[in-house]
N, C-alpha and C. Protein backbone atom coordinates (compact mmCIF):
# COMPACT_ATOMS: atom_id res chain seq x y z
N MET A 1 44.35 142.44 36.66
CA MET A 1 44.44 143.87 36.83
C MET A 1 43.90 144.24 38.21
N TRP A 2 44.56 145.14 38.90
CA TRP A 2 44.21 145.56 40.25
C TRP A 2 42.99 146.48 40.22
N ASN A 3 42.04 146.27 41.12
CA ASN A 3 40.81 147.05 41.18
C ASN A 3 40.76 147.82 42.50
N ASP A 4 41.17 149.09 42.48
CA ASP A 4 41.16 149.92 43.70
C ASP A 4 39.75 150.14 44.24
N GLN A 5 38.74 150.15 43.37
CA GLN A 5 37.36 150.40 43.80
C GLN A 5 36.84 149.32 44.75
N ALA A 6 37.42 148.14 44.70
CA ALA A 6 36.98 147.04 45.57
C ALA A 6 37.28 147.33 47.04
N PHE A 7 38.14 148.29 47.33
CA PHE A 7 38.55 148.56 48.70
C PHE A 7 37.68 149.60 49.40
N LYS A 8 36.61 150.04 48.75
CA LYS A 8 35.65 150.91 49.44
C LYS A 8 34.94 150.07 50.51
N THR A 9 34.77 150.63 51.68
CA THR A 9 34.19 149.86 52.79
C THR A 9 32.67 149.97 52.82
N ASP A 10 32.06 149.47 51.76
CA ASP A 10 30.61 149.42 51.69
C ASP A 10 30.19 148.31 50.74
N CYS A 11 28.90 148.10 50.67
CA CYS A 11 28.34 147.09 49.78
C CYS A 11 27.08 147.72 49.18
N ASP A 12 27.28 148.59 48.19
CA ASP A 12 26.17 149.31 47.58
C ASP A 12 25.11 148.38 47.01
N THR A 13 25.55 147.34 46.33
CA THR A 13 24.64 146.43 45.67
C THR A 13 25.01 144.99 46.02
N ILE A 14 24.04 144.24 46.50
CA ILE A 14 24.27 142.82 46.75
C ILE A 14 23.99 142.08 45.46
N VAL A 15 25.03 141.50 44.88
CA VAL A 15 24.89 140.77 43.62
C VAL A 15 24.12 139.47 43.87
N ARG A 16 24.43 138.81 44.97
CA ARG A 16 23.78 137.55 45.27
C ARG A 16 24.07 137.16 46.71
N ARG A 17 23.14 136.51 47.35
CA ARG A 17 23.34 135.95 48.68
C ARG A 17 23.44 134.44 48.50
N LEU A 18 24.43 133.84 49.14
CA LEU A 18 24.55 132.39 49.02
C LEU A 18 25.07 131.77 50.29
N LYS A 19 24.85 130.48 50.38
CA LYS A 19 25.29 129.66 51.50
C LYS A 19 26.52 128.90 51.03
N LEU A 20 27.62 129.03 51.76
CA LEU A 20 28.87 128.38 51.34
C LEU A 20 28.74 126.86 51.45
N PRO A 21 29.09 126.14 50.38
CA PRO A 21 28.97 124.68 50.40
C PRO A 21 30.08 123.99 51.18
N LYS A 22 31.15 124.74 51.48
CA LYS A 22 32.31 124.17 52.19
C LYS A 22 33.05 125.32 52.88
N GLN A 23 33.94 124.98 53.77
CA GLN A 23 34.80 125.99 54.39
C GLN A 23 35.73 126.55 53.33
N ILE A 24 35.90 127.88 53.31
CA ILE A 24 36.80 128.49 52.33
C ILE A 24 37.70 129.50 53.01
N SER A 25 38.83 129.77 52.37
CA SER A 25 39.76 130.80 52.83
C SER A 25 39.27 132.15 52.33
N ALA A 26 39.50 133.18 53.14
CA ALA A 26 39.09 134.53 52.78
C ALA A 26 40.14 135.51 53.31
N ILE A 27 40.34 136.60 52.59
CA ILE A 27 41.25 137.66 53.01
C ILE A 27 40.40 138.79 53.56
N GLN A 28 40.54 139.05 54.84
CA GLN A 28 39.75 140.11 55.46
C GLN A 28 40.21 141.47 54.94
N MET A 29 39.26 142.38 54.77
CA MET A 29 39.58 143.73 54.36
C MET A 29 39.71 144.58 55.62
N ALA A 30 40.91 145.06 55.88
CA ALA A 30 41.15 145.93 57.04
C ALA A 30 40.80 147.36 56.64
N THR A 31 40.20 148.09 57.57
CA THR A 31 39.75 149.46 57.30
C THR A 31 40.84 150.47 57.62
N LEU A 32 41.04 151.40 56.69
CA LEU A 32 41.96 152.51 56.89
C LEU A 32 41.17 153.79 57.13
N ASP A 33 41.84 154.83 57.57
CA ASP A 33 41.20 156.13 57.69
C ASP A 33 40.74 156.59 56.32
N GLY A 34 39.64 157.30 56.26
CA GLY A 34 39.12 157.80 55.00
C GLY A 34 38.14 156.87 54.33
N GLY A 35 37.77 155.75 54.98
CA GLY A 35 36.74 154.89 54.42
C GLY A 35 37.20 153.88 53.39
N HIS A 36 38.49 153.73 53.20
CA HIS A 36 38.99 152.71 52.28
C HIS A 36 39.64 151.60 53.09
N GLY A 37 39.93 150.51 52.43
CA GLY A 37 40.51 149.37 53.12
C GLY A 37 41.80 148.90 52.48
N LYS A 38 42.37 147.88 53.07
CA LYS A 38 43.57 147.24 52.55
C LYS A 38 43.45 145.75 52.84
N LEU A 39 44.30 144.96 52.22
CA LEU A 39 44.29 143.53 52.47
C LEU A 39 44.73 143.26 53.90
N GLY A 40 43.98 142.40 54.57
CA GLY A 40 44.27 142.06 55.96
C GLY A 40 44.64 140.60 56.11
N LEU A 41 44.24 140.02 57.21
CA LEU A 41 44.59 138.65 57.55
C LEU A 41 43.78 137.64 56.75
N ILE A 42 44.36 136.48 56.56
CA ILE A 42 43.66 135.36 55.93
C ILE A 42 42.94 134.60 57.02
N THR A 43 41.68 134.27 56.78
CA THR A 43 40.87 133.55 57.75
C THR A 43 40.06 132.48 57.03
N GLN A 44 39.37 131.67 57.78
CA GLN A 44 38.51 130.63 57.22
C GLN A 44 37.06 130.99 57.48
N LEU A 45 36.23 130.91 56.46
CA LEU A 45 34.79 131.09 56.61
C LEU A 45 34.17 129.69 56.66
N PRO A 46 33.27 129.44 57.60
CA PRO A 46 32.76 128.08 57.81
C PRO A 46 31.78 127.61 56.74
N SER A 47 31.74 126.32 56.57
CA SER A 47 30.73 125.71 55.71
C SER A 47 29.35 126.09 56.23
N GLY A 48 28.45 126.45 55.34
CA GLY A 48 27.10 126.83 55.73
C GLY A 48 26.93 128.31 56.03
N ALA A 49 28.03 129.07 56.02
CA ALA A 49 27.93 130.51 56.28
C ALA A 49 27.15 131.17 55.15
N VAL A 50 26.28 132.11 55.49
CA VAL A 50 25.53 132.86 54.50
C VAL A 50 26.27 134.17 54.26
N VAL A 51 26.66 134.40 53.00
CA VAL A 51 27.44 135.59 52.63
C VAL A 51 26.71 136.37 51.54
N ASP A 52 26.98 137.67 51.50
CA ASP A 52 26.49 138.53 50.43
C ASP A 52 27.64 138.83 49.49
N ILE A 53 27.46 138.52 48.22
CA ILE A 53 28.47 138.88 47.22
C ILE A 53 28.22 140.34 46.84
N CYS A 54 29.23 141.17 47.06
CA CYS A 54 29.08 142.62 46.85
C CYS A 54 29.64 143.08 45.51
N GLY A 55 30.25 142.21 44.76
CA GLY A 55 30.80 142.59 43.46
C GLY A 55 32.20 142.04 43.27
N GLY A 56 32.89 142.64 42.32
CA GLY A 56 34.23 142.20 41.97
C GLY A 56 35.22 142.45 43.09
N GLY A 57 36.24 141.63 43.11
CA GLY A 57 37.29 141.75 44.10
C GLY A 57 38.43 142.63 43.62
N PHE A 58 39.59 142.41 44.19
CA PHE A 58 40.74 143.24 43.86
C PHE A 58 41.40 142.84 42.55
N ASN A 59 41.01 141.69 42.00
CA ASN A 59 41.45 141.30 40.66
C ASN A 59 40.35 140.45 40.01
N GLU A 60 40.59 139.97 38.81
CA GLU A 60 39.55 139.26 38.06
C GLU A 60 39.25 137.87 38.61
N ARG A 61 40.05 137.36 39.53
CA ARG A 61 39.81 136.02 40.09
C ARG A 61 39.17 136.05 41.47
N THR A 62 38.85 137.25 41.97
CA THR A 62 38.30 137.37 43.31
C THR A 62 36.97 138.11 43.32
N ALA A 63 36.23 137.93 44.42
CA ALA A 63 34.98 138.65 44.65
C ALA A 63 35.05 139.27 46.04
N LYS A 64 34.33 140.37 46.22
CA LYS A 64 34.20 141.00 47.53
C LYS A 64 32.91 140.49 48.14
N ILE A 65 32.99 140.02 49.38
CA ILE A 65 31.80 139.52 50.07
C ILE A 65 31.67 140.19 51.43
N ARG A 66 30.45 140.11 51.98
CA ARG A 66 30.20 140.58 53.34
C ARG A 66 29.71 139.38 54.15
N TYR A 67 30.32 139.20 55.31
CA TYR A 67 29.94 138.12 56.22
C TYR A 67 30.01 138.68 57.63
N GLU A 68 28.90 138.61 58.36
CA GLU A 68 28.82 139.12 59.73
C GLU A 68 29.32 140.57 59.83
N GLN A 69 28.86 141.41 58.92
CA GLN A 69 29.15 142.84 58.88
C GLN A 69 30.62 143.18 58.66
N ARG A 70 31.40 142.22 58.16
CA ARG A 70 32.80 142.47 57.79
C ARG A 70 32.96 142.11 56.32
N TYR A 71 33.95 142.72 55.68
CA TYR A 71 34.20 142.50 54.27
C TYR A 71 35.43 141.62 54.07
N PHE A 72 35.33 140.76 53.05
CA PHE A 72 36.39 139.82 52.73
C PHE A 72 36.54 139.73 51.22
N PHE A 73 37.69 139.26 50.78
CA PHE A 73 37.90 138.89 49.39
C PHE A 73 38.07 137.38 49.35
N VAL A 74 37.40 136.74 48.40
CA VAL A 74 37.48 135.29 48.24
C VAL A 74 37.72 134.99 46.76
N PHE A 75 38.29 133.83 46.50
CA PHE A 75 38.48 133.41 45.12
C PHE A 75 37.16 132.91 44.56
N LEU A 76 36.86 133.33 43.34
CA LEU A 76 35.62 132.92 42.68
C LEU A 76 35.47 131.41 42.63
N GLN A 77 36.56 130.70 42.38
CA GLN A 77 36.47 129.24 42.27
C GLN A 77 36.03 128.60 43.58
N ASP A 78 36.27 129.26 44.72
CA ASP A 78 35.83 128.71 46.00
C ASP A 78 34.33 128.90 46.23
N LEU A 79 33.71 129.80 45.47
CA LEU A 79 32.26 130.02 45.60
C LEU A 79 31.46 129.10 44.71
N GLN A 80 32.14 128.32 43.89
CA GLN A 80 31.43 127.49 42.92
C GLN A 80 31.46 126.02 43.31
N GLU A 81 30.37 125.36 42.98
CA GLU A 81 30.31 123.90 43.08
C GLU A 81 30.69 123.37 41.71
N ALA A 82 30.36 122.14 41.43
CA ALA A 82 30.64 121.58 40.12
C ALA A 82 29.90 122.34 39.03
N GLY A 83 28.71 122.87 39.36
CA GLY A 83 27.93 123.64 38.41
C GLY A 83 28.10 125.12 38.68
N PRO A 84 27.00 125.87 38.61
CA PRO A 84 27.07 127.30 38.88
C PRO A 84 27.27 127.58 40.37
N PHE A 85 27.03 128.82 40.80
CA PHE A 85 27.23 129.21 42.19
C PHE A 85 26.56 128.23 43.14
N ALA A 86 27.02 128.25 44.38
CA ALA A 86 26.46 127.39 45.42
C ALA A 86 25.00 127.74 45.66
N ALA A 87 24.34 126.92 46.43
CA ALA A 87 22.90 127.12 46.69
C ALA A 87 22.63 128.50 47.28
N SER A 88 21.61 129.13 46.82
CA SER A 88 21.22 130.44 47.36
C SER A 88 20.63 130.26 48.75
N ALA A 89 20.83 131.28 49.56
CA ALA A 89 20.31 131.23 50.93
C ALA A 89 18.86 131.61 50.96
């Protein structure tokens, strides 16, 4: 199900901060007028990057994260190791 609320350009609550265990693909959130965003370009976030998980993404398989003051959507499975979430920062 599509989640329009994920496109707000803020991070009211940091759910968790973590260090990425590997390089992952991310969809950058491009900013529109009025403070909302849209899906942007696909990029790679480097292994070891420290990201803030800001909550749910645009669907049930994604999360919204903040990295270097920009917002991205990533797949939940890319944030996980064999066990629970990757090591906390």
